[in-house]
């Protein structure tokens, strides 16, 4: 059973970003210099992680957790 959780959605975006960045590193290096890449990557990572944290803090929890048998 797959449990969909909106809090984890931002982490999925982060993992997809890192995967695309790794796969396209050769082409990205042709367009953007290394220092800009580092700041851009860190900015995206900070936004995704902090967004997920704030979402989990401020959104109300709906329902009760499923019981494991």
Protein backbone atom coordinates (compact mmCIF):
# COMPACT_ATOMS: atom_id res chain seq x y z
CA UNK A 1 0.00 0.00 0.00
CA UNK A 2 1.36 3.41 -0.97
CA UNK A 3 0.71 6.22 1.49
CA UNK A 4 0.63 9.64 -0.16
CA UNK A 5 1.80 12.41 2.10
CA UNK A 6 2.00 16.04 1.01
CA UNK A 7 4.85 16.66 3.43
CA UNK A 8 6.98 14.20 1.50
CA UNK A 9 6.07 15.72 -1.85
CA UNK A 10 8.71 18.44 -1.53
CA UNK A 11 11.34 15.83 -0.75
CA UNK A 12 10.42 14.05 -3.98
CA UNK A 13 10.97 17.30 -5.87
CA UNK A 14 14.37 17.56 -4.22
CA UNK A 15 15.32 14.02 -5.23
CA UNK A 16 14.16 14.60 -8.81
CA UNK A 17 16.16 17.84 -8.97
CA UNK A 18 19.31 16.13 -7.73
CA UNK A 19 18.84 13.25 -10.19
CA UNK A 20 18.34 15.57 -13.17
CA UNK A 21 21.33 17.64 -12.08
CA UNK A 22 23.51 14.53 -11.92
CA UNK A 23 22.34 13.24 -15.30
CA UNK A 24 22.74 16.57 -17.07
CA UNK A 25 25.95 17.71 -15.40
CA UNK A 26 27.91 17.85 -18.65
CA UNK A 27 25.37 20.12 -20.35
CA UNK A 28 24.79 22.26 -17.27
CA UNK A 29 28.55 22.91 -16.99
CA UNK A 30 28.53 24.34 -20.52
CA UNK A 31 25.88 26.96 -19.61
CA UNK A 32 26.46 27.84 -15.96
CA UNK A 33 29.72 28.25 -14.06
CA UNK A 34 30.43 26.18 -10.94
CA UNK A 35 29.91 28.89 -8.31
CA UNK A 36 26.48 29.78 -9.73
CA UNK A 37 25.56 26.08 -9.82
CA UNK A 38 26.44 25.67 -6.15
CA UNK A 39 24.35 28.65 -5.03
CA UNK A 40 21.43 27.64 -7.23
CA UNK A 41 21.51 24.06 -5.95
CA UNK A 42 21.77 25.10 -2.33
CA UNK A 43 18.90 27.55 -2.79
CA UNK A 44 16.63 24.88 -4.25
CA UNK A 45 17.58 22.40 -1.52
CA UNK A 46 16.93 24.95 1.25
CA UNK A 47 13.56 25.92 -0.25
CA UNK A 48 12.42 22.29 -0.55
CA UNK A 49 13.52 21.23 2.94
CA UNK A 50 12.28 24.37 4.71
CA UNK A 51 9.02 24.29 2.76
CA UNK A 52 8.43 20.72 3.83
CA UNK A 53 9.22 21.57 7.46
CA UNK A 54 6.90 24.59 7.50
CA UNK A 55 4.16 22.62 5.79
CA UNK A 56 4.34 19.88 8.40
CA UNK A 57 4.32 22.42 11.26
CA UNK A 58 1.48 24.67 10.12
CA UNK A 59 -0.92 22.33 8.35
CA UNK A 60 -3.55 20.62 10.46
CA UNK A 61 -3.42 16.87 10.62
CA UNK A 62 -6.58 15.25 9.27
CA UNK A 63 -7.87 12.04 10.73
CA UNK A 64 -6.06 9.54 12.83
CA UNK A 65 -3.19 7.34 11.68
CA UNK A 66 -4.00 3.88 10.38
CA UNK A 67 -3.48 1.11 12.89
CA UNK A 68 -1.01 -1.58 12.02
CA UNK A 69 -2.22 -5.10 12.71
